[in-house]
């Protein structure tokens, strides 16, 4: 076969598109579906019921994550204020001196706020 004959043969093959008949495609798909494995159905894993602590925390803090964070910060503030850890006491003594403060007056006088003019 000469190169010219081969080129003619390939150009003739290119000019005619190769399409499979619908009967052939139906048989091929039928065979493919027959050989395809059945899908595996997996059962959902069993969920354990929540424990006592989880139920209690859901009952107490069931209104959302932000409120839980605020409640935790409040509890930490109350604990720090009640227990007075040593570093907090040391800083207080360094800033205020040795005397204890019974009451802190944050706004000593309202005269500045009440004056007109």
Protein backbone atom coordinates (compact mmCIF):
# COMPACT_ATOMS: atom_id res chain seq x y z
CA UNK A 1 0.00 0.00 0.00
CA UNK A 2 1.43 3.32 -1.00
CA UNK A 3 1.27 6.42 1.17
CA UNK A 4 -1.18 8.00 -1.27
CA UNK A 5 -3.56 5.02 -1.04
CA UNK A 6 -3.32 5.12 2.77
CA UNK A 7 -4.16 8.85 2.79
CA UNK A 8 -7.15 8.23 0.51
CA UNK A 9 -8.38 5.41 2.77
CA UNK A 10 -8.04 7.53 5.94
CA UNK A 11 -9.77 10.55 4.35
CA UNK A 12 -12.66 8.31 3.26
CA UNK A 13 -12.93 7.00 6.83
CA UNK A 14 -12.92 10.55 8.18
CA UNK A 15 -15.66 11.67 5.82
CA UNK A 16 -18.10 9.03 7.06
CA UNK A 17 -18.83 9.38 10.80
CA UNK A 18 -18.86 6.13 12.72
CA UNK A 19 -22.18 5.90 14.54
CA UNK A 20 -23.39 2.84 16.34
CA UNK A 21 -26.88 1.62 15.63
CA UNK A 22 -29.52 2.08 18.29
CA UNK A 23 -29.98 -1.70 18.51
CA UNK A 24 -26.27 -2.17 19.24
CA UNK A 25 -26.33 0.60 21.88
CA UNK A 26 -29.38 -0.97 23.56
CA UNK A 27 -27.69 -4.38 23.73
CA UNK A 28 -24.45 -2.89 25.02
CA UNK A 29 -26.24 -0.93 27.78
CA UNK A 30 -28.26 -4.00 28.73
CA UNK A 31 -25.05 -6.01 29.15
CA UNK A 32 -23.41 -3.18 31.09
CA UNK A 33 -26.34 -2.86 33.48
CA UNK A 34 -26.36 -6.65 33.99
CA UNK A 35 -22.67 -6.60 34.99
CA UNK A 36 -22.95 -3.55 37.21
CA UNK A 37 -23.01 -4.42 40.94
CA UNK A 38 -26.05 -3.57 43.00
CA UNK A 39 -25.68 -0.47 45.17
CA UNK A 40 -24.82 -1.17 48.78
CA UNK A 41 -27.36 0.23 51.20
CA UNK A 42 -25.75 1.26 54.46
CA UNK A 43 -27.87 1.58 57.54
CA UNK A 44 -27.53 4.80 59.50
CA UNK A 45 -25.43 4.32 62.63
CA UNK A 46 -27.40 4.13 65.84
CA UNK A 47 -27.13 7.33 67.84
CA UNK A 48 -26.67 6.88 71.55
CA UNK A 49 -29.08 8.87 73.72
CA UNK A 50 -27.47 11.89 75.41
CA UNK A 51 -26.07 11.38 78.87
CA UNK A 52 -27.11 13.07 82.09
CA UNK A 53 -24.54 15.87 81.83
CA UNK A 54 -25.46 16.58 78.20
CA UNK A 55 -29.15 16.75 79.05
CA UNK A 56 -28.48 19.03 82.03
CA UNK A 57 -26.29 21.40 80.00
CA UNK A 58 -28.87 21.47 77.21
CA UNK A 59 -31.55 22.29 79.79
CA UNK A 60 -29.46 25.06 81.40
CA UNK A 61 -27.73 26.49 78.31
CA UNK A 62 -30.17 25.42 75.61
CA UNK A 63 -30.67 28.89 74.24
CA UNK A 64 -27.58 29.16 72.05
CA UNK A 65 -23.83 29.30 71.83
CA UNK A 66 -23.42 33.04 72.46
CA UNK A 67 -25.44 32.87 75.67
CA UNK A 68 -23.36 29.90 76.79
CA UNK A 69 -20.20 31.95 76.31
CA UNK A 70 -21.68 34.86 78.24
CA UNK A 71 -22.73 32.55 81.07
CA UNK A 72 -19.23 31.08 81.20
CA UNK A 73 -17.65 34.55 81.30
CA UNK A 74 -20.05 35.56 84.08
CA UNK A 75 -19.20 32.46 86.10
CA UNK A 76 -15.47 33.12 85.64
CA UNK A 77 -15.91 36.74 86.76
CA UNK A 78 -17.83 35.71 89.87
CA UNK A 79 -15.18 33.11 90.66
CA UNK A 80 -12.30 35.58 90.25
CA UNK A 81 -14.15 38.14 92.37
CA UNK A 82 -14.99 35.68 95.12
CA UNK A 83 -11.78 33.67 95.35
CA UNK A 84 -9.33 36.59 94.88
CA UNK A 85 -6.37 34.67 93.44
CA UNK A 86 -2.95 35.74 94.77
CA UNK A 87 -1.84 37.65 91.61
CA UNK A 88 -5.02 39.77 91.70
CA UNK A 89 -4.51 40.54 95.39
CA UNK A 90 -0.85 41.44 94.78
CA UNK A 91 -1.78 43.86 92.00
CA UNK A 92 -4.51 45.42 94.14
CA UNK A 93 -2.13 45.96 97.06
CA UNK A 94 0.49 47.45 94.73
CA UNK A 95 -2.00 49.89 93.23
CA UNK A 96 -4.05 50.85 96.30
CA UNK A 97 -1.77 50.22 99.21
CA UNK A 98 -2.34 47.93 102.15
CA UNK A 99 -5.65 49.37 103.31
CA UNK A 100 -8.79 47.61 102.27
CA UNK A 101 -11.50 49.40 100.41
CA UNK A 102 -15.03 48.77 101.56
CA UNK A 103 -16.76 50.82 98.91
CA UNK A 104 -15.57 52.44 95.70
CA UNK A 105 -17.41 55.58 94.69
CA UNK A 106 -17.09 55.69 90.91
CA UNK A 107 -19.03 58.95 90.54
CA UNK A 108 -18.23 60.89 93.72
CA UNK A 109 -20.48 63.80 92.90
CA UNK A 110 -23.32 64.40 90.49
CA UNK A 111 -22.94 68.20 90.66
CA UNK A 112 -20.95 68.28 87.44
CA UNK A 113 -23.69 66.41 85.63
CA UNK A 114 -26.59 68.39 87.08
CA UNK A 115 -25.32 71.93 86.57
CA UNK A 116 -26.94 73.95 83.83
CA UNK A 117 -25.38 76.38 81.48
